[in-house]
Amino acid sequence: MSAHAQPHRLQPAKLLRSKWTAAVPLNKEKHFIVTALSAPEAPGTQVDAVTMEAVLTGRSLTLRWRELNDPAQWLQGWR
């Protein structure tokens, strides 16, 4: 298994309700679910940001969806 895995080819339309693990958990928040997608102000464009909810605390955070491609921050699925 390679130390440098290929980046995920995420599709914004399939992000809703997807599960993620924080690579470096803060405040014991490790597992997250995407609860909302935010479209940019320009009509007809794709998803700009996602809102994620921590399973443990229910705290929400919003980030640009492309940040999920960074394995130093996020791992797809719950691990």
PDB file of N, CA and C in Angstrom:
ATOM      1  N   MET A   1       0.848  -1.181   0.000  1.00  0.00           N
ATOM      2  CA  MET A   1       0.000   0.000   0.000  1.00  0.00           C
ATOM      3  C   MET A   1       0.886   1.233   0.000  1.00  0.00           C
ATOM      4  N   SER A   2       0.622   2.164  -0.876  1.00  0.00           N
ATOM      5  CA  SER A   2       1.432   3.368  -1.027  1.00  0.00           C
ATOM      6  C   SER A   2       1.203   4.338   0.126  1.00  0.00           C
ATOM      7  N   ALA A   3       2.266   5.037   0.509  1.00  0.00           N
ATOM      8  CA  ALA A   3       2.153   6.038   1.560  1.00  0.00           C
ATOM      9  C   ALA A   3       1.410   7.268   1.054  1.00  0.00           C
ATOM     10  N   HIS A   4       1.415   7.471  -0.258  1.00  0.00           N
ATOM     11  CA  HIS A   4       0.733   8.621  -0.848  1.00  0.00           C
ATOM     12  C   HIS A   4      -0.442   8.131  -1.675  1.00  0.00           C
ATOM     13  N   ALA A   5      -1.591   8.039  -1.033  1.00  0.00           N
ATOM     14  CA  ALA A   5      -2.781   7.542  -1.720  1.00  0.00           C
ATOM     15  C   ALA A   5      -3.273   8.569  -2.729  1.00  0.00           C
ATOM     16  N   GLN A   6      -3.921   8.084  -3.762  1.00  0.00           N
ATOM     17  CA  GLN A   6      -4.509   8.975  -4.751  1.00  0.00           C
ATOM     18  C   GLN A   6      -5.617   9.789  -4.081  1.00  0.00           C
ATOM     19  N   PRO A   7      -5.751  11.077  -4.427  1.00  0.00           N
ATOM     20  CA  PRO A   7      -6.824  11.877  -3.842  1.00  0.00           C
ATOM     21  C   PRO A   7      -8.182  11.363  -4.332  1.00  0.00           C
ATOM     22  N   HIS A   8      -9.183  11.511  -3.485  1.00  0.00           N
ATOM     23  CA  HIS A   8     -10.537  11.093  -3.845  1.00  0.00           C
ATOM     24  C   HIS A   8     -11.065  12.013  -4.929  1.00  0.00           C
ATOM     25  N   ARG A   9     -11.789  11.452  -5.863  1.00  0.00           N
ATOM     26  CA  ARG A   9     -12.472  12.262  -6.862  1.00  0.00           C
ATOM     27  C   ARG A   9     -13.885  12.482  -6.333  1.00  0.00           C
ATOM     28  N   LEU A  10     -14.048  13.522  -5.537  1.00  0.00           N
ATOM     29  CA  LEU A  10     -15.336  13.797  -4.918  1.00  0.00           C
ATOM     30  C   LEU A  10     -16.290  14.424  -5.916  1.00  0.00           C
ATOM     31  N   GLN A  11     -17.532  14.048  -5.813  1.00  0.00           N
ATOM     32  CA  GLN A  11     -18.579  14.651  -6.615  1.00  0.00           C
ATOM     33  C   GLN A  11     -19.461  15.448  -5.663  1.00  0.00           C
ATOM     34  N   PRO A  12     -19.514  16.768  -5.840  1.00  0.00           N
ATOM     35  CA  PRO A  12     -20.271  17.603  -4.902  1.00  0.00           C
ATOM     36  C   PRO A  12     -21.711  17.150  -4.696  1.00  0.00           C
ATOM     37  N   ALA A  13     -22.346  16.650  -5.754  1.00  0.00           N
ATOM     38  CA  ALA A  13     -23.749  16.244  -5.645  1.00  0.00           C
ATOM     39  C   ALA A  13     -23.929  15.050  -4.713  1.00  0.00           C
ATOM     40  N   LYS A  14     -22.871  14.283  -4.462  1.00  0.00           N
ATOM     41  CA  LYS A  14     -22.975  13.085  -3.623  1.00  0.00           C
ATOM     42  C   LYS A  14     -22.457  13.305  -2.202  1.00  0.00           C
ATOM     43  N   LEU A  15     -22.160  14.543  -1.836  1.00  0.00           N
ATOM     44  CA  LEU A  15     -21.598  14.819  -0.519  1.00  0.00           C
ATOM     45  C   LEU A  15     -22.626  14.791   0.606  1.00  0.00           C
ATOM     46  N   LEU A  16     -23.862  15.153   0.325  1.00  0.00           N
ATOM     47  CA  LEU A  16     -24.870  15.233   1.376  1.00  0.00           C
ATOM     48  C   LEU A  16     -25.012  13.888   2.090  1.00  0.00           C
ATOM     49  N   ARG A  17     -24.954  13.922   3.407  1.00  0.00           N
ATOM     50  CA  ARG A  17     -25.034  12.762   4.297  1.00  0.00           C
ATOM     51  C   ARG A  17     -23.809  11.842   4.238  1.00  0.00           C
ATOM     52  N   SER A  18     -22.739  12.285   3.585  1.00  0.00           N
ATOM     53  CA  SER A  18     -21.531  11.456   3.577  1.00  0.00           C
ATOM     54  C   SER A  18     -20.830  11.565   4.929  1.00  0.00           C
ATOM     55  N   LYS A  19     -20.035  10.544   5.251  1.00  0.00           N
ATOM     56  CA  LYS A  19     -19.370  10.449   6.555  1.00  0.00           C
ATOM     57  C   LYS A  19     -17.880  10.726   6.400  1.00  0.00           C
ATOM     58  N   TRP A  20     -17.315  11.442   7.376  1.00  0.00           N
ATOM     59  CA  TRP A  20     -15.905  11.843   7.335  1.00  0.00           C
ATOM     60  C   TRP A  20     -15.277  11.702   8.703  1.00  0.00           C
ATOM     61  N   THR A  21     -13.971  11.443   8.715  1.00  0.00           N
ATOM     62  CA  THR A  21     -13.191  11.380   9.946  1.00  0.00           C
ATOM     63  C   THR A  21     -12.152  12.491   9.905  1.00  0.00           C
ATOM     64  N   ALA A  22     -12.086  13.269  10.974  1.00  0.00           N
ATOM     65  CA  ALA A  22     -11.068  14.310  11.074  1.00  0.00           C
ATOM     66  C   ALA A  22      -9.712  13.640  11.273  1.00  0.00           C
ATOM     67  N   ALA A  23      -8.724  13.997  10.460  1.00  0.00           N
ATOM     68  CA  ALA A  23      -7.390  13.408  10.578  1.00  0.00           C
ATOM     69  C   ALA A  23      -6.747  13.805  11.905  1.00  0.00           C
ATOM     70  N   VAL A  24      -7.052  15.020  12.370  1.00  0.00           N
ATOM     71  CA  VAL A  24      -6.544  15.508  13.651  1.00  0.00           C
ATOM     72  C   VAL A  24      -7.750  16.004  14.455  1.00  0.00           C
ATOM     73  N   PRO A  25      -8.351  15.125  15.265  1.00  0.00           N
ATOM     74  CA  PRO A  25      -9.550  15.514  16.009  1.00  0.00           C
ATOM     75  C   PRO A  25      -9.277  16.644  17.006  1.00  0.00           C
ATOM     76  N   LEU A  26     -10.246  17.553  17.110  1.00  0.00           N
ATOM     77  CA  LEU A  26     -10.199  18.625  18.099  1.00  0.00           C
ATOM     78  C   LEU A  26     -11.409  18.474  19.013  1.00  0.00           C
ATOM     79  N   ASN A  27     -11.228  18.699  20.301  1.00  0.00           N
ATOM     80  CA  ASN A  27     -12.313  18.599  21.279  1.00  0.00           C
ATOM     81  C   ASN A  27     -13.021  17.246  21.209  1.00  0.00           C
ATOM     82  N   LYS A  28     -12.272  16.181  20.968  1.00  0.00           N
ATOM     83  CA  LYS A  28     -12.791  14.818  20.866  1.00  0.00           C
ATOM     84  C   LYS A  28     -13.770  14.643  19.708  1.00  0.00           C
ATOM     85  N   GLU A  29     -13.830  15.630  18.800  1.00  0.00           N
ATOM     86  CA  GLU A  29     -14.715  15.535  17.642  1.00  0.00           C
ATOM     87  C   GLU A  29     -13.932  14.881  16.505  1.00  0.00           C
ATOM     88  N   LYS A  30     -14.300  13.655  16.199  1.00  0.00           N
ATOM     89  CA  LYS A  30     -13.572  12.885  15.201  1.00  0.00           C
ATOM     90  C   LYS A  30     -14.451  12.543  14.007  1.00  0.00           C
ATOM     91  N   HIS A  31     -15.681  12.136  14.264  1.00  0.00           N
ATOM     92  CA  HIS A  31     -16.586  11.699  13.201  1.00  0.00           C
ATOM     93  C   HIS A  31     -17.590  12.791  12.864  1.00  0.00           C
ATOM     94  N   PHE A  32     -17.772  13.012  11.559  1.00  0.00           N
ATOM     95  CA  PHE A  32     -18.648  14.072  11.069  1.00  0.00           C
ATOM     96  C   PHE A  32     -19.546  13.548   9.956  1.00  0.00           C
ATOM     97  N   ILE A  33     -20.713  14.174   9.817  1.00  0.00           N
ATOM     98  CA  ILE A  33     -21.640  13.902   8.718  1.00  0.00           C
ATOM     99  C   ILE A  33     -21.913  15.220   8.013  1.00  0.00           C
ATOM    100  N   VAL A  34     -21.911  15.191   6.673  1.00  0.00           N
ATOM    101  CA  VAL A  34     -22.262  16.385   5.904  1.00  0.00           C
ATOM    102  C   VAL A  34     -23.777  16.546   5.993  1.00  0.00           C
ATOM    103  N   THR A  35     -24.219  17.680   6.552  1.00  0.00           N
ATOM    104  CA  THR A  35     -25.648  17.902   6.781  1.00  0.00           C
ATOM    105  C   THR A  35     -26.262  18.902   5.808  1.00  0.00           C
ATOM    106  N   ALA A  36     -25.428  19.698   5.121  1.00  0.00           N
ATOM    107  CA  ALA A  36     -25.973  20.689   4.184  1.00  0.00           C
ATOM    108  C   ALA A  36     -24.926  21.053   3.147  1.00  0.00           C
ATOM    109  N   LEU A  37     -25.406  21.433   1.971  1.00  0.00           N
ATOM    110  CA  LEU A  37     -24.553  21.904   0.895  1.00  0.00           C
ATOM    111  C   LEU A  37     -24.921  23.356   0.611  1.00  0.00           C
ATOM    112  N   SER A  38     -23.921  24.198   0.395  1.00  0.00           N
ATOM    113  CA  SER A  38     -24.155  25.607   0.104  1.00  0.00           C
ATOM    114  C   SER A  38     -23.695  25.912  -1.309  1.00  0.00           C
ATOM    115  N   ALA A  39     -24.592  26.448  -2.097  1.00  0.00           N
ATOM    116  CA  ALA A  39     -24.245  26.831  -3.465  1.00  0.00           C
ATOM    117  C   ALA A  39     -23.718  28.265  -3.454  1.00  0.00           C
ATOM    118  N   PRO A  40     -22.793  28.576  -4.348  1.00  0.00           N
ATOM    119  CA  PRO A  40     -22.312  29.959  -4.437  1.00  0.00           C
ATOM    120  C   PRO A  40     -23.432  30.866  -4.928  1.00  0.00           C
ATOM    121  N   GLU A  41     -23.214  32.176  -4.812  1.00  0.00           N
ATOM    122  CA  GLU A  41     -24.250  33.131  -5.182  1.00  0.00           C
ATOM    123  C   GLU A  41     -24.563  33.116  -6.676  1.00  0.00           C
ATOM    124  N   ALA A  42     -23.589  32.745  -7.508  1.00  0.00           N
ATOM    125  CA  ALA A  42     -23.825  32.716  -8.952  1.00  0.00           C
ATOM    126  C   ALA A  42     -24.780  31.567  -9.295  1.00  0.00           C
ATOM    127  N   PRO A  43     -25.889  31.857  -9.980  1.00  0.00           N
ATOM    128  CA  PRO A  43     -26.833  30.791 -10.317  1.00  0.00           C
ATOM    129  C   PRO A  43     -26.243  29.801 -11.312  1.00  0.00           C
ATOM    130  N   GLY A  44     -26.659  28.551 -11.174  1.00  0.00           N
ATOM    131  CA  GLY A  44     -26.218  27.526 -12.103  1.00  0.00           C
ATOM    132  C   GLY A  44     -24.860  26.935 -11.805  1.00  0.00           C
ATOM    133  N   THR A  45     -24.240  27.329 -10.709  1.00  0.00           N
ATOM    134  CA  THR A  45     -22.936  26.779 -10.365  1.00  0.00           C
ATOM    135  C   THR A  45     -23.100  25.682  -9.319  1.00  0.00           C
ATOM    136  N   GLN A  46     -22.045  24.908  -9.143  1.00  0.00           N
ATOM    137  CA  GLN A  46     -22.107  23.763  -8.240  1.00  0.00           C
ATOM    138  C   GLN A  46     -21.931  24.178  -6.785  1.00  0.00           C
ATOM    139  N   VAL A  47     -21.821  23.188  -5.952  1.00  0.00           N
ATOM    140  CA  VAL A  47     -21.649  23.372  -4.516  1.00  0.00           C
ATOM    141  C   VAL A  47     -20.358  24.132  -4.222  1.00  0.00           C
ATOM    142  N   ASP A  48     -20.438  25.076  -3.288  1.00  0.00           N
ATOM    143  CA  ASP A  48     -19.273  25.860  -2.896  1.00  0.00           C
ATOM    144  C   ASP A  48     -18.737  25.403  -1.544  1.00  0.00           C
ATOM    145  N   ALA A  49     -19.652  25.117  -0.610  1.00  0.00           N
ATOM    146  CA  ALA A  49     -19.249  24.759   0.752  1.00  0.00           C
ATOM    147  C   ALA A  49     -20.164  23.671   1.289  1.00  0.00           C
ATOM    148  N   VAL A  50     -19.689  23.020   2.350  1.00  0.00           N
ATOM    149  CA  VAL A  50     -20.488  22.006   3.035  1.00  0.00           C
ATOM    150  C   VAL A  50     -20.566  22.362   4.511  1.00  0.00           C
ATOM    151  N   THR A  51     -21.670  21.987   5.125  1.00  0.00           N
ATOM    152  CA  THR A  51     -21.799  22.104   6.577  1.00  0.00           C
ATOM    153  C   THR A  51     -21.717  20.690   7.119  1.00  0.00           C
ATOM    154  N   MET A  52     -20.831  20.518   8.089  1.00  0.00           N
ATOM    155  CA  MET A  52     -20.617  19.203   8.691  1.00  0.00           C
ATOM    156  C   MET A  52     -20.979  19.278  10.162  1.00  0.00           C
ATOM    157  N   GLU A  53     -21.547  18.190  10.665  1.00  0.00           N
ATOM    158  CA  GLU A  53     -21.927  18.123  12.069  1.00  0.00           C
ATOM    159  C   GLU A  53     -21.130  17.034  12.761  1.00  0.00           C
ATOM    160  N   ALA A  54     -20.544  17.384  13.916  1.00  0.00           N
ATOM    161  CA  ALA A  54     -19.805  16.412  14.716  1.00  0.00           C
ATOM    162  C   ALA A  54     -20.807  15.457  15.363  1.00  0.00           C
ATOM    163  N   VAL A  55     -20.580  14.158  15.197  1.00  0.00           N
ATOM    164  CA  VAL A  55     -21.499  13.156  15.730  1.00  0.00           C
ATOM    165  C   VAL A  55     -21.542  13.220  17.257  1.00  0.00           C
ATOM    166  N   LEU A  56     -20.401  13.405  17.899  1.00  0.00           N
ATOM    167  CA  LEU A  56     -20.319  13.383  19.357  1.00  0.00           C
ATOM    168  C   LEU A  56     -21.010  14.580  20.006  1.00  0.00           C
ATOM    169  N   THR A  57     -20.750  15.791  19.475  1.00  0.00           N
ATOM    170  CA  THR A  57     -21.216  17.008  20.143  1.00  0.00           C
ATOM    171  C   THR A  57     -22.374  17.705  19.438  1.00  0.00           C
ATOM    172  N   GLY A  58     -22.591  17.407  18.146  1.00  0.00           N
ATOM    173  CA  GLY A  58     -23.624  18.104  17.398  1.00  0.00           C
ATOM    174  C   GLY A  58     -23.190  19.461  16.897  1.00  0.00           C
ATOM    175  N   ARG A  59     -21.930  19.842  17.170  1.00  0.00           N
ATOM    176  CA  ARG A  59     -21.416  21.132  16.720  1.00  0.00           C
ATOM    177  C   ARG A  59     -21.270  21.110  15.201  1.00  0.00           C
ATOM    178  N   SER A  60     -21.622  22.221  14.554  1.00  0.00           N
ATOM    179  CA  SER A  60     -21.522  22.317  13.104  1.00  0.00           C
ATOM    180  C   SER A  60     -20.358  23.200  12.700  1.00  0.00           C
ATOM    181  N   LEU A  61     -19.792  22.885  11.536  1.00  0.00           N
ATOM    182  CA  LEU A  61     -18.765  23.731  10.952  1.00  0.00           C
ATOM    183  C   LEU A  61     -18.979  23.757   9.450  1.00  0.00           C
ATOM    184  N   THR A  62     -18.594  24.862   8.834  1.00  0.00           N
ATOM    185  CA  THR A  62     -18.748  25.023   7.396  1.00  0.00           C
ATOM    186  C   THR A  62     -17.378  25.207   6.778  1.00  0.00           C
ATOM    187  N   LEU A  63     -17.129  24.519   5.669  1.00  0.00           N
ATOM    188  CA  LEU A  63     -15.854  24.637   4.974  1.00  0.00           C
ATOM    189  C   LEU A  63     -16.069  24.444   3.486  1.00  0.00           C
ATOM    190  N   ARG A  64     -15.103  24.876   2.696  1.00  0.00           N
ATOM    191  CA  ARG A  64     -15.173  24.657   1.250  1.00  0.00           C
ATOM    192  C   ARG A  64     -15.094  23.157   0.995  1.00  0.00           C
ATOM    193  N   TRP A  65     -15.936  22.648   0.113  1.00  0.00           N
ATOM    194  CA  TRP A  65     -16.016  21.193  -0.071  1.00  0.00           C
ATOM    195  C   TRP A  65     -14.711  20.604  -0.560  1.00  0.00           C
ATOM    196  N   ARG A  66     -13.898  21.376  -1.286  1.00  0.00           N
ATOM    197  CA  ARG A  66     -12.638  20.845  -1.811  1.00  0.00           C
ATOM    198  C   ARG A  66     -11.615  20.567  -0.699  1.00  0.00           C
ATOM    199  N   GLU A  67     -11.818  21.157   0.475  1.00  0.00           N
ATOM    200  CA  GLU A  67     -10.922  20.873   1.604  1.00  0.00           C
ATOM    201  C   GLU A  67     -11.002  19.398   2.010  1.00  0.00           C
ATOM    202  N   LEU A  68     -12.095  18.732   1.673  1.00  0.00           N
ATOM    203  CA  LEU A  68     -12.248  17.315   2.002  1.00  0.00           C
ATOM    204  C   LEU A  68     -11.277  16.442   1.211  1.00  0.00           C
ATOM    205  N   ASN A  69     -10.675  16.995   0.156  1.00  0.00           N
ATOM    206  CA  ASN A  69      -9.682  16.256  -0.634  1.00  0.00           C
ATOM    207  C   ASN A  69      -8.322  16.180   0.055  1.00  0.00           C
ATOM    208  N   ASP A  70      -8.126  16.940   1.136  1.00  0.00           N
ATOM    209  CA  ASP A  70      -6.835  16.987   1.822  1.00  0.00           C
ATOM    210  C   ASP A  70      -6.771  15.893   2.892  1.00  0.00           C
ATOM    211  N   PRO A  71      -6.022  14.803   2.631  1.00  0.00           N
ATOM    212  CA  PRO A  71      -5.970  13.710   3.609  1.00  0.00           C
ATOM    213  C   PRO A  71      -5.275  14.088   4.920  1.00  0.00           C
ATOM    214  N   ALA A  72      -4.598  15.213   4.957  1.00  0.00           N
ATOM    215  CA  ALA A  72      -4.012  15.683   6.215  1.00  0.00           C
ATOM    216  C   ALA A  72      -5.097  16.245   7.138  1.00  0.00           C
ATOM    217  N   GLN A  73      -6.273  16.559   6.554  1.00  0.00           N
ATOM    218  CA  GLN A  73      -7.374  17.111   7.341  1.00  0.00           C
ATOM    219  C   GLN A  73      -8.547  16.150   7.470  1.00  0.00           C
ATOM    220  N   TRP A  74      -8.899  15.462   6.358  1.00  0.00           N
ATOM    221  CA  TRP A  74     -10.113  14.653   6.339  1.00  0.00           C
ATOM    222  C   TRP A  74      -9.891  13.303   5.677  1.00  0.00           C
ATOM    223  N   LEU A  75     -10.522  12.273   6.227  1.00  0.00           N
ATOM    224  CA  LEU A  75     -10.508  10.930   5.670  1.00  0.00           C
ATOM    225  C   LEU A  75     -11.958  10.536   5.398  1.00  0.00           C
ATOM    226  N   GLN A  76     -12.211  10.007   4.206  1.00  0.00           N
ATOM    227  CA  GLN A  76     -13.575   9.635   3.855  1.00  0.00           C
ATOM    228  C   GLN A  76     -14.001   8.407   4.634  1.00  0.00           C
ATOM    229  N   GLY A  77     -15.228   8.433   5.140  1.00  0.00           N
ATOM    230  CA  GLY A  77     -15.762   7.349   5.966  1.00  0.00           C
ATOM    231  C   GLY A  77     -15.384   7.539   7.422  1.00  0.00           C
ATOM    232  N   TRP A  78     -15.858   6.637   8.264  1.00  0.00           N
ATOM    233  CA  TRP A  78     -15.524   6.691   9.694  1.00  0.00           C
ATOM    234  C   TRP A  78     -14.451   5.666   9.973  1.00  0.00           C
ATOM    235  N   ARG A  79     -13.359   6.136  10.562  1.00  0.00           N
ATOM    236  CA  ARG A  79     -12.234   5.254  10.855  1.00  0.00           C
ATOM    237  C   ARG A  79     -11.857   5.313  12.308  1.00  0.00           C
TER     238      ARG A  79
END
